[in-house]
Amino acid sequence: IYKNQGQIKEALDFYARSLKMQEEFGYKLGIAMALNN
């Protein structure tokens, strides 16, 4: 949503936080989606 609103810094921050959590507990679908986004 931040991305769609043009708030790139916030979008990157939220994506990175999500990706870090997904990798910590090894959820592959979540990792793939975060990398994609």
PDB file of all heavy atoms in Angstrom:
ATOM      1  N   ILE A   1       0.837  -1.207   0.000  1.00  0.00           N
ATOM      2  CA  ILE A   1       0.000   0.000   0.000  1.00  0.00           C
ATOM      3  C   ILE A   1       0.869   1.253   0.000  1.00  0.00           C
ATOM      4  O   ILE A   1       0.605   2.211  -0.726  1.00  0.00           O
ATOM      5  CB  ILE A   1      -0.957  -0.002   1.203  1.00  0.00           C
ATOM      6  CG1 ILE A   1      -1.919  -1.194   1.102  1.00  0.00           C
ATOM      7  CG2 ILE A   1      -1.754   1.308   1.254  1.00  0.00           C
ATOM      8  CD1 ILE A   1      -2.812  -1.377   2.308  1.00  0.00           C
ATOM      9  N   TYR A   2       1.924   1.249   0.817  1.00  0.00           N
ATOM     10  CA  TYR A   2       2.855   2.386   0.818  1.00  0.00           C
ATOM     11  C   TYR A   2       3.430   2.589  -0.589  1.00  0.00           C
ATOM     12  O   TYR A   2       3.578   3.718  -1.054  1.00  0.00           O
ATOM     13  CB  TYR A   2       3.992   2.153   1.811  1.00  0.00           C
ATOM     14  CG  TYR A   2       3.629   2.457   3.246  1.00  0.00           C
ATOM     15  CD1 TYR A   2       3.804   1.505   4.248  1.00  0.00           C
ATOM     16  CD2 TYR A   2       3.122   3.708   3.602  1.00  0.00           C
ATOM     17  CE1 TYR A   2       3.479   1.790   5.567  1.00  0.00           C
ATOM     18  CE2 TYR A   2       2.791   3.995   4.915  1.00  0.00           C
ATOM     19  CZ  TYR A   2       2.972   3.029   5.899  1.00  0.00           C
ATOM     20  OH  TYR A   2       2.640   3.326   7.202  1.00  0.00           O
ATOM     21  N   LYS A   3       3.763   1.487  -1.259  1.00  0.00           N
ATOM     22  CA  LYS A   3       4.291   1.566  -2.619  1.00  0.00           C
ATOM     23  C   LYS A   3       3.271   2.217  -3.551  1.00  0.00           C
ATOM     24  O   LYS A   3       3.604   3.110  -4.331  1.00  0.00           O
ATOM     25  CB  LYS A   3       4.642   0.172  -3.130  1.00  0.00           C
ATOM     26  CG  LYS A   3       5.046   0.128  -4.600  1.00  0.00           C
ATOM     27  CD  LYS A   3       5.280  -1.318  -5.039  1.00  0.00           C
ATOM     28  CE  LYS A   3       5.592  -1.377  -6.537  1.00  0.00           C
ATOM     29  NZ  LYS A   3       4.445  -1.030  -7.382  1.00  0.00           N
ATOM     30  N   ASN A   4       2.023   1.775  -3.466  1.00  0.00           N
ATOM     31  CA  ASN A   4       0.978   2.337  -4.324  1.00  0.00           C
ATOM     32  C   ASN A   4       0.713   3.814  -4.037  1.00  0.00           C
ATOM     33  O   ASN A   4       0.236   4.544  -4.903  1.00  0.00           O
ATOM     34  CB  ASN A   4      -0.323   1.538  -4.158  1.00  0.00           C
ATOM     35  CG  ASN A   4      -0.228   0.147  -4.760  1.00  0.00           C
ATOM     36  OD1 ASN A   4       0.591  -0.101  -5.646  1.00  0.00           O
ATOM     37  ND2 ASN A   4      -1.040  -0.775  -4.285  1.00  0.00           N
ATOM     38  N   GLN A   5       1.037   4.241  -2.828  1.00  0.00           N
ATOM     39  CA  GLN A   5       0.872   5.645  -2.464  1.00  0.00           C
ATOM     40  C   GLN A   5       2.116   6.472  -2.801  1.00  0.00           C
ATOM     41  O   GLN A   5       2.128   7.676  -2.585  1.00  0.00           O
ATOM     42  CB  GLN A   5       0.573   5.769  -0.965  1.00  0.00           C
ATOM     43  CG  GLN A   5      -0.800   5.240  -0.567  1.00  0.00           C
ATOM     44  CD  GLN A   5      -1.018   5.268   0.925  1.00  0.00           C
ATOM     45  OE1 GLN A   5      -0.078   5.108   1.716  1.00  0.00           O
ATOM     46  NE2 GLN A   5      -2.259   5.462   1.339  1.00  0.00           N
ATOM     47  N   GLY A   6       3.153   5.803  -3.299  1.00  0.00           N
ATOM     48  CA  GLY A   6       4.390   6.504  -3.646  1.00  0.00           C
ATOM     49  C   GLY A   6       5.308   6.758  -2.472  1.00  0.00           C
ATOM     50  O   GLY A   6       6.294   7.487  -2.593  1.00  0.00           O
ATOM     51  N   GLN A   7       5.029   6.131  -1.315  1.00  0.00           N
ATOM     52  CA  GLN A   7       5.876   6.304  -0.128  1.00  0.00           C
ATOM     53  C   GLN A   7       6.931   5.192  -0.125  1.00  0.00           C
ATOM     54  O   GLN A   7       6.825   4.201   0.604  1.00  0.00           O
ATOM     55  CB  GLN A   7       5.018   6.277   1.136  1.00  0.00           C
ATOM     56  CG  GLN A   7       4.021   7.433   1.207  1.00  0.00           C
ATOM     57  CD  GLN A   7       3.081   7.310   2.380  1.00  0.00           C
ATOM     58  OE1 GLN A   7       1.908   6.954   2.247  1.00  0.00           O
ATOM     59  NE2 GLN A   7       3.570   7.622   3.575  1.00  0.00           N
ATOM     60  N   ILE A   8       7.968   5.390  -0.941  1.00  0.00           N
ATOM     61  CA  ILE A   8       8.926   4.333  -1.233  1.00  0.00           C
ATOM     62  C   ILE A   8       9.765   3.951  -0.012  1.00  0.00           C
ATOM     63  O   ILE A   8      10.010   2.766   0.239  1.00  0.00           O
ATOM     64  CB  ILE A   8       9.860   4.757  -2.392  1.00  0.00           C
ATOM     65  CG1 ILE A   8       9.022   5.190  -3.603  1.00  0.00           C
ATOM     66  CG2 ILE A   8      10.796   3.625  -2.772  1.00  0.00           C
ATOM     67  CD1 ILE A   8       8.067   4.149  -4.106  1.00  0.00           C
ATOM     68  N   LYS A   9      10.217   4.939   0.737  1.00  0.00           N
ATOM     69  CA  LYS A   9      11.053   4.650   1.909  1.00  0.00           C
ATOM     70  C   LYS A   9      10.293   3.761   2.892  1.00  0.00           C
ATOM     71  O   LYS A   9      10.850   2.769   3.410  1.00  0.00           O
ATOM     72  CB  LYS A   9      11.465   5.957   2.582  1.00  0.00           C
ATOM     73  CG  LYS A   9      12.416   5.750   3.744  1.00  0.00           C
ATOM     74  CD  LYS A   9      12.828   7.072   4.365  1.00  0.00           C
ATOM     75  CE  LYS A   9      13.737   6.860   5.560  1.00  0.00           C
ATOM     76  NZ  LYS A   9      14.105   8.128   6.225  1.00  0.00           N
ATOM     77  N   GLU A  10       9.032   4.096   3.168  1.00  0.00           N
ATOM     78  CA  GLU A  10       8.224   3.300   4.091  1.00  0.00           C
ATOM     79  C   GLU A  10       7.980   1.897   3.531  1.00  0.00           C
ATOM     80  O   GLU A  10       8.025   0.902   4.268  1.00  0.00           O
ATOM     81  CB  GLU A  10       6.874   3.982   4.357  1.00  0.00           C
ATOM     82  CG  GLU A  10       6.950   5.253   5.183  1.00  0.00           C
ATOM     83  CD  GLU A  10       7.371   6.477   4.364  1.00  0.00           C
ATOM     84  OE1 GLU A  10       7.607   6.326   3.146  1.00  0.00           O
ATOM     85  OE2 GLU A  10       7.484   7.561   4.953  1.00  0.00           O
ATOM     86  N   ALA A  11       7.729   1.822   2.219  1.00  0.00           N
ATOM     87  CA  ALA A  11       7.495   0.522   1.585  1.00  0.00           C
ATOM     88  C   ALA A  11       8.711  -0.387   1.723  1.00  0.00           C
ATOM     89  O   ALA A  11       8.590  -1.557   2.095  1.00  0.00           O
ATOM     90  CB  ALA A  11       7.150   0.714   0.106  1.00  0.00           C
ATOM     91  N   LEU A  12       9.899   0.160   1.452  1.00  0.00           N
ATOM     92  CA  LEU A  12      11.125  -0.632   1.566  1.00  0.00           C
ATOM     93  C   LEU A  12      11.355  -1.104   2.996  1.00  0.00           C
ATOM     94  O   LEU A  12      11.766  -2.249   3.234  1.00  0.00           O
ATOM     95  CB  LEU A  12      12.317   0.195   1.096  1.00  0.00           C
ATOM     96  CG  LEU A  12      12.666   0.076  -0.392  1.00  0.00           C
ATOM     97  CD1 LEU A  12      13.694   1.119  -0.783  1.00  0.00           C
ATOM     98  CD2 LEU A  12      13.179  -1.314  -0.705  1.00  0.00           C
ATOM     99  N   ASP A  13      11.090  -0.234   3.937  1.00  0.00           N
ATOM    100  CA  ASP A  13      11.280  -0.576   5.342  1.00  0.00           C
ATOM    101  C   ASP A  13      10.372  -1.736   5.743  1.00  0.00           C
ATOM    102  O   ASP A  13      10.818  -2.700   6.377  1.00  0.00           O
ATOM    103  CB  ASP A  13      10.998   0.654   6.218  1.00  0.00           C
ATOM    104  CG  ASP A  13      11.132   0.337   7.701  1.00  0.00           C
ATOM    105  OD1 ASP A  13      12.190  -0.152   8.105  1.00  0.00           O
ATOM    106  OD2 ASP A  13      10.162   0.576   8.452  1.00  0.00           O
ATOM    107  N   PHE A  14       9.104  -1.672   5.348  1.00  0.00           N
ATOM    108  CA  PHE A  14       8.151  -2.725   5.708  1.00  0.00           C
ATOM    109  C   PHE A  14       8.468  -4.033   4.984  1.00  0.00           C
ATOM    110  O   PHE A  14       8.349  -5.114   5.566  1.00  0.00           O
ATOM    111  CB  PHE A  14       6.716  -2.270   5.414  1.00  0.00           C
ATOM    112  CG  PHE A  14       6.088  -1.495   6.542  1.00  0.00           C
ATOM    113  CD1 PHE A  14       6.547  -0.234   6.876  1.00  0.00           C
ATOM    114  CD2 PHE A  14       5.048  -2.027   7.277  1.00  0.00           C
ATOM    115  CE1 PHE A  14       5.986   0.482   7.919  1.00  0.00           C
ATOM    116  CE2 PHE A  14       4.468  -1.334   8.325  1.00  0.00           C
ATOM    117  CZ  PHE A  14       4.942  -0.067   8.650  1.00  0.00           C
ATOM    118  N   TYR A  15       8.864  -3.955   3.706  1.00  0.00           N
ATOM    119  CA  TYR A  15       9.248  -5.164   2.976  1.00  0.00           C
ATOM    120  C   TYR A  15      10.443  -5.843   3.637  1.00  0.00           C
ATOM    121  O   TYR A  15      10.489  -7.066   3.791  1.00  0.00           O
ATOM    122  CB  TYR A  15       9.601  -4.837   1.525  1.00  0.00           C
ATOM    123  CG  TYR A  15       8.420  -4.726   0.594  1.00  0.00           C
ATOM    124  CD1 TYR A  15       8.404  -3.772  -0.424  1.00  0.00           C
ATOM    125  CD2 TYR A  15       7.332  -5.592   0.697  1.00  0.00           C
ATOM    126  CE1 TYR A  15       7.326  -3.668  -1.295  1.00  0.00           C
ATOM    127  CE2 TYR A  15       6.248  -5.489  -0.156  1.00  0.00           C
ATOM    128  CZ  TYR A  15       6.255  -4.525  -1.160  1.00  0.00           C
ATOM    129  OH  TYR A  15       5.196  -4.444  -2.013  1.00  0.00           O
ATOM    130  N   ALA A  16      11.452  -5.041   4.003  1.00  0.00           N
ATOM    131  CA  ALA A  16      12.668  -5.595   4.610  1.00  0.00           C
ATOM    132  C   ALA A  16      12.361  -6.242   5.963  1.00  0.00           C
ATOM    133  O   ALA A  16      12.882  -7.315   6.282  1.00  0.00           O
ATOM    134  CB  ALA A  16      13.718  -4.500   4.760  1.00  0.00           C
ATOM    135  N   ARG A  17      11.502  -5.611   6.751  1.00  0.00           N
ATOM    136  CA  ARG A  17      11.116  -6.183   8.047  1.00  0.00           C
ATOM    137  C   ARG A  17      10.363  -7.497   7.865  1.00  0.00           C
ATOM    138  O   ARG A  17      10.597  -8.476   8.591  1.00  0.00           O
ATOM    139  CB  ARG A  17      10.247  -5.183   8.821  1.00  0.00           C
ATOM    140  CG  ARG A  17      11.022  -3.997   9.384  1.00  0.00           C
ATOM    141  CD  ARG A  17      10.085  -2.889   9.856  1.00  0.00           C
ATOM    142  NE  ARG A  17       9.199  -3.332  10.916  1.00  0.00           N
ATOM    143  CZ  ARG A  17       8.169  -2.614  11.368  1.00  0.00           C
ATOM    144  NH1 ARG A  17       7.906  -1.418  10.849  1.00  0.00           N
ATOM    145  NH2 ARG A  17       7.400  -3.071  12.338  1.00  0.00           N
ATOM    146  N   SER A  18       9.484  -7.524   6.867  1.00  0.00           N
ATOM    147  CA  SER A  18       8.737  -8.744   6.577  1.00  0.00           C
ATOM    148  C   SER A  18       9.670  -9.860   6.130  1.00  0.00           C
ATOM    149  O   SER A  18       9.586 -10.998   6.606  1.00  0.00           O
ATOM    150  CB  SER A  18       7.696  -8.460   5.479  1.00  0.00           C
ATOM    151  OG  SER A  18       7.058  -9.659   5.082  1.00  0.00           O
ATOM    152  N   LEU A  19      10.576  -9.544   5.200  1.00  0.00           N
ATOM    153  CA  LEU A  19      11.511 -10.544   4.681  1.00  0.00           C
ATOM    154  C   LEU A  19      12.390 -11.105   5.796  1.00  0.00           C
ATOM    155  O   LEU A  19      12.638 -12.323   5.856  1.00  0.00           O
ATOM    156  CB  LEU A  19      12.370  -9.925   3.576  1.00  0.00           C
ATOM    157  CG  LEU A  19      13.418 -10.841   2.930  1.00  0.00           C
ATOM    158  CD1 LEU A  19      12.782 -12.096   2.368  1.00  0.00           C
ATOM    159  CD2 LEU A  19      14.162 -10.083   1.832  1.00  0.00           C
ATOM    160  N   LYS A  20      12.866 -10.237   6.668  1.00  0.00           N
ATOM    161  CA  LYS A  20      13.729 -10.682   7.771  1.00  0.00           C
ATOM    162  C   LYS A  20      12.988 -11.682   8.664  1.00  0.00           C
ATOM    163  O   LYS A  20      13.542 -12.723   9.047  1.00  0.00           O
ATOM    164  CB  LYS A  20      14.181  -9.466   8.592  1.00  0.00           C
ATOM    165  CG  LYS A  20      15.140  -9.820   9.712  1.00  0.00           C
ATOM    166  CD  LYS A  20      15.550  -8.575  10.488  1.00  0.00           C
ATOM    167  CE  LYS A  20      16.438  -8.949  11.670  1.00  0.00           C
ATOM    168  NZ  LYS A  20      16.809  -7.766  12.482  1.00  0.00           N
ATOM    169  N   MET A  21      11.730 -11.392   8.980  1.00  0.00           N
ATOM    170  CA  MET A  21      10.945 -12.296   9.821  1.00  0.00           C
ATOM    171  C   MET A  21      10.698 -13.624   9.113  1.00  0.00           C
ATOM    172  O   MET A  21      10.791 -14.694   9.717  1.00  0.00           O
ATOM    173  CB  MET A  21       9.609 -11.642  10.195  1.00  0.00           C
ATOM    174  CG  MET A  21       9.718 -10.492  11.170  1.00  0.00           C
ATOM    175  SD  MET A  21       8.100  -9.935  11.761  1.00  0.00           S
ATOM    176  CE  MET A  21       7.627 -11.305  12.815  1.00  0.00           C
ATOM    177  N   GLN A  22      10.365 -13.567   7.805  1.00  0.00           N
ATOM    178  CA  GLN A  22      10.098 -14.795   7.049  1.00  0.00           C
ATOM    179  C   GLN A  22      11.324 -15.698   7.042  1.00  0.00           C
ATOM    180  O   GLN A  22      11.216 -16.922   7.170  1.00  0.00           O
ATOM    181  CB  GLN A  22       9.710 -14.456   5.601  1.00  0.00           C
ATOM    182  CG  GLN A  22       8.571 -13.478   5.433  1.00  0.00           C
ATOM    183  CD  GLN A  22       7.200 -14.108   5.631  1.00  0.00           C
ATOM    184  OE1 GLN A  22       7.077 -15.201   6.142  1.00  0.00           O
ATOM    185  NE2 GLN A  22       6.160 -13.407   5.228  1.00  0.00           N
ATOM    186  N   GLU A  23      12.499 -15.103   6.890  1.00  0.00           N
ATOM    187  CA  GLU A  23      13.732 -15.889   6.844  1.00  0.00           C
ATOM    188  C   GLU A  23      14.081 -16.479   8.205  1.00  0.00           C
ATOM    189  O   GLU A  23      14.648 -17.576   8.281  1.00  0.00           O
ATOM    190  CB  GLU A  23      14.885 -15.027   6.325  1.00  0.00           C
ATOM    191  CG  GLU A  23      14.772 -14.729   4.840  1.00  0.00           C
ATOM    192  CD  GLU A  23      15.949 -13.934   4.299  1.00  0.00           C
ATOM    193  OE1 GLU A  23      16.515 -13.117   5.044  1.00  0.00           O
ATOM    194  OE2 GLU A  23      16.279 -14.130   3.125  1.00  0.00           O
ATOM    195  N   GLU A  24      13.722 -15.778   9.272  1.00  0.00           N
ATOM    196  CA  GLU A  24      14.041 -16.263  10.616  1.00  0.00           C
ATOM    197  C   GLU A  24      13.307 -17.561  10.934  1.00  0.00           C
ATOM    198  O   GLU A  24      13.852 -18.441  11.593  1.00  0.00           O
ATOM    199  CB  GLU A  24      13.709 -15.195  11.664  1.00  0.00           C
ATOM    200  CG  GLU A  24      14.755 -14.083  11.731  1.00  0.00           C
ATOM    201  CD  GLU A  24      14.380 -12.983  12.706  1.00  0.00           C
ATOM    202  OE1 GLU A  24      13.268 -13.055  13.279  1.00  0.00           O
ATOM    203  OE2 GLU A  24      15.190 -12.066  12.906  1.00  0.00           O
ATOM    204  N   PHE A  25      12.032 -17.695  10.475  1.00  0.00           N
ATOM    205  CA  PHE A  25      11.350 -18.960  10.730  1.00  0.00           C
ATOM    206  C   PHE A  25      11.121 -19.786   9.471  1.00  0.00           C
ATOM    207  O   PHE A  25      10.324 -20.708   9.438  1.00  0.00           O
ATOM    208  CB  PHE A  25      10.027 -18.759  11.502  1.00  0.00           C
ATOM    209  CG  PHE A  25       9.102 -17.713  10.943  1.00  0.00           C
ATOM    210  CD1 PHE A  25       8.334 -17.959   9.819  1.00  0.00           C
ATOM    211  CD2 PHE A  25       8.993 -16.486  11.557  1.00  0.00           C
ATOM    212  CE1 PHE A  25       7.475 -17.002   9.325  1.00  0.00           C
ATOM    213  CE2 PHE A  25       8.135 -15.519  11.061  1.00  0.00           C
ATOM    214  CZ  PHE A  25       7.377 -15.772   9.954  1.00  0.00           C
ATOM    215  N   GLY A  26      11.870 -19.437   8.397  1.00  0.00           N
ATOM    216  CA  GLY A  26      11.964 -20.306   7.222  1.00  0.00           C
ATOM    217  C   GLY A  26      10.675 -20.542   6.461  1.00  0.00           C
ATOM    218  O   GLY A  26      10.458 -21.627   5.908  1.00  0.00           O
ATOM    219  N   TYR A  27       9.804 -19.510   6.374  1.00  0.00           N
ATOM    220  CA  TYR A  27       8.548 -19.656   5.639  1.00  0.00           C
ATOM    221  C   TYR A  27       8.794 -19.300   4.170  1.00  0.00           C
ATOM    222  O   TYR A  27       8.879 -18.135   3.808  1.00  0.00           O
ATOM    223  CB  TYR A  27       7.479 -18.754   6.245  1.00  0.00           C
ATOM    224  CG  TYR A  27       6.122 -18.854   5.583  1.00  0.00           C
ATOM    225  CD1 TYR A  27       5.533 -20.083   5.335  1.00  0.00           C
ATOM    226  CD2 TYR A  27       5.432 -17.709   5.203  1.00  0.00           C
ATOM    227  CE1 TYR A  27       4.294 -20.180   4.734  1.00  0.00           C
ATOM    228  CE2 TYR A  27       4.188 -17.784   4.604  1.00  0.00           C
ATOM    229  CZ  TYR A  27       3.628 -19.027   4.378  1.00  0.00           C
ATOM    230  OH  TYR A  27       2.408 -19.116   3.772  1.00  0.00           O
ATOM    231  N   LYS A  28       8.921 -20.327   3.330  1.00  0.00           N
ATOM    232  CA  LYS A  28       9.390 -20.122   1.960  1.00  0.00           C
ATOM    233  C   LYS A  28       8.439 -19.286   1.102  1.00  0.00           C
ATOM    234  O   LYS A  28       8.879 -18.463   0.303  1.00  0.00           O
ATOM    235  CB  LYS A  28       9.654 -21.477   1.299  1.00  0.00           C
ATOM    236  CG  LYS A  28      10.863 -22.180   1.888  1.00  0.00           C
ATOM    237  CD  LYS A  28      11.220 -23.433   1.129  1.00  0.00           C
ATOM    238  CE  LYS A  28      12.487 -24.053   1.704  1.00  0.00           C
ATOM    239  NZ  LYS A  28      12.877 -25.282   0.978  1.00  0.00           N
ATOM    240  N   LEU A  29       7.128 -19.513   1.235  1.00  0.00           N
ATOM    241  CA  LEU A  29       6.181 -18.722   0.450  1.00  0.00           C
ATOM    242  C   LEU A  29       6.293 -17.247   0.802  1.00  0.00           C
ATOM    243  O   LEU A  29       6.300 -16.376  -0.076  1.00  0.00           O
ATOM    244  CB  LEU A  29       4.751 -19.215   0.685  1.00  0.00           C
ATOM    245  CG  LEU A  29       3.636 -18.418  -0.012  1.00  0.00           C
ATOM    246  CD1 LEU A  29       3.841 -18.430  -1.527  1.00  0.00           C
ATOM    247  CD2 LEU A  29       2.259 -18.979   0.348  1.00  0.00           C
ATOM    248  N   GLY A  30       6.392 -16.953   2.089  1.00  0.00           N
ATOM    249  CA  GLY A  30       6.527 -15.566   2.534  1.00  0.00           C
ATOM    250  C   GLY A  30       7.824 -14.937   2.045  1.00  0.00           C
ATOM    251  O   GLY A  30       7.848 -13.776   1.637  1.00  0.00           O
ATOM    252  N   ILE A  31       8.903 -15.712   2.073  1.00  0.00           N
ATOM    253  CA  ILE A  31      10.196 -15.220   1.580  1.00  0.00           C
ATOM    254  C   ILE A  31      10.085 -14.882   0.103  1.00  0.00           C
ATOM    255  O   ILE A  31      10.533 -13.820  -0.345  1.00  0.00           O
ATOM    256  CB  ILE A  31      11.304 -16.276   1.798  1.00  0.00           C
ATOM    257  CG1 ILE A  31      11.555 -16.480   3.289  1.00  0.00           C
ATOM    258  CG2 ILE A  31      12.600 -15.857   1.109  1.00  0.00           C
ATOM    259  CD1 ILE A  31      12.443 -17.683   3.596  1.00  0.00           C
ATOM    260  N   ALA A  32       9.470 -15.795  -0.663  1.00  0.00           N
ATOM    261  CA  ALA A  32       9.327 -15.587  -2.113  1.00  0.00           C
ATOM    262  C   ALA A  32       8.521 -14.338  -2.427  1.00  0.00           C
ATOM    263  O   ALA A  32       8.883 -13.544  -3.300  1.00  0.00           O
ATOM    264  CB  ALA A  32       8.683 -16.814  -2.761  1.00  0.00           C
ATOM    265  N   MET A  33       7.412 -14.134  -1.696  1.00  0.00           N
ATOM    266  CA  MET A  33       6.568 -12.965  -1.949  1.00  0.00           C
ATOM    267  C   MET A  33       7.288 -11.669  -1.591  1.00  0.00           C
ATOM    268  O   MET A  33       7.199 -10.673  -2.315  1.00  0.00           O
ATOM    269  CB  MET A  33       5.266 -13.076  -1.153  1.00  0.00           C
ATOM    270  CG  MET A  33       4.286 -14.097  -1.683  1.00  0.00           C
ATOM    271  SD  MET A  33       3.853 -13.859  -3.439  1.00  0.00           S
ATOM    272  CE  MET A  33       3.189 -12.201  -3.409  1.00  0.00           C
ATOM    273  N   ALA A  34       8.019 -11.682  -0.472  1.00  0.00           N
ATOM    274  CA  ALA A  34       8.746 -10.478  -0.064  1.00  0.00           C
ATOM    275  C   ALA A  34       9.839 -10.136  -1.074  1.00  0.00           C
ATOM    276  O   ALA A  34      10.022  -8.973  -1.446  1.00  0.00           O
ATOM    277  CB  ALA A  34       9.351 -10.677   1.326  1.00  0.00           C
ATOM    278  N   LEU A  35      10.564 -11.157  -1.542  1.00  0.00           N
ATOM    279  CA  LEU A  35      11.599 -10.938  -2.560  1.00  0.00           C
ATOM    280  C   LEU A  35      10.984 -10.390  -3.842  1.00  0.00           C
ATOM    281  O   LEU A  35      11.528  -9.482  -4.479  1.00  0.00           O
ATOM    282  CB  LEU A  35      12.335 -12.249  -2.856  1.00  0.00           C
ATOM    283  CG  LEU A  35      13.271 -12.773  -1.770  1.00  0.00           C
ATOM    284  CD1 LEU A  35      13.711 -14.194  -2.096  1.00  0.00           C
ATOM    285  CD2 LEU A  35      14.487 -11.873  -1.614  1.00  0.00           C
ATOM    286  N   ASN A  36       9.836 -10.953  -4.216  1.00  0.00           N
ATOM    287  CA  ASN A  36       9.138 -10.517  -5.423  1.00  0.00           C
ATOM    288  C   ASN A  36       8.742  -9.045  -5.332  1.00  0.00           C
ATOM    289  O   ASN A  36       8.981  -8.256  -6.257  1.00  0.00           O
ATOM    290  CB  ASN A  36       7.897 -11.398  -5.624  1.00  0.00           C
ATOM    291  CG  ASN A  36       7.197 -11.153  -6.935  1.00  0.00           C
ATOM    292  OD1 ASN A  36       6.559 -10.115  -7.121  1.00  0.00           O
ATOM    293  ND2 ASN A  36       7.303 -12.085  -7.842  1.00  0.00           N
ATOM    294  N   ASN A  37       8.160  -8.690  -4.196  1.00  0.00           N
ATOM    295  CA  ASN A  37       7.703  -7.306  -4.015  1.00  0.00           C
ATOM    296  C   ASN A  37       8.858  -6.317  -3.958  1.00  0.00           C
ATOM    297  O   ASN A  37       8.769  -5.203  -4.494  1.00  0.00           O
ATOM    298  CB  ASN A  37       6.856  -7.211  -2.750  1.00  0.00           C
ATOM    299  CG  ASN A  37       5.507  -7.879  -2.904  1.00  0.00           C
ATOM    300  OD1 ASN A  37       4.945  -7.920  -4.000  1.00  0.00           O
ATOM    301  ND2 ASN A  37       4.984  -8.436  -1.836  1.00  0.00           N
TER     302      ASN A  37
END
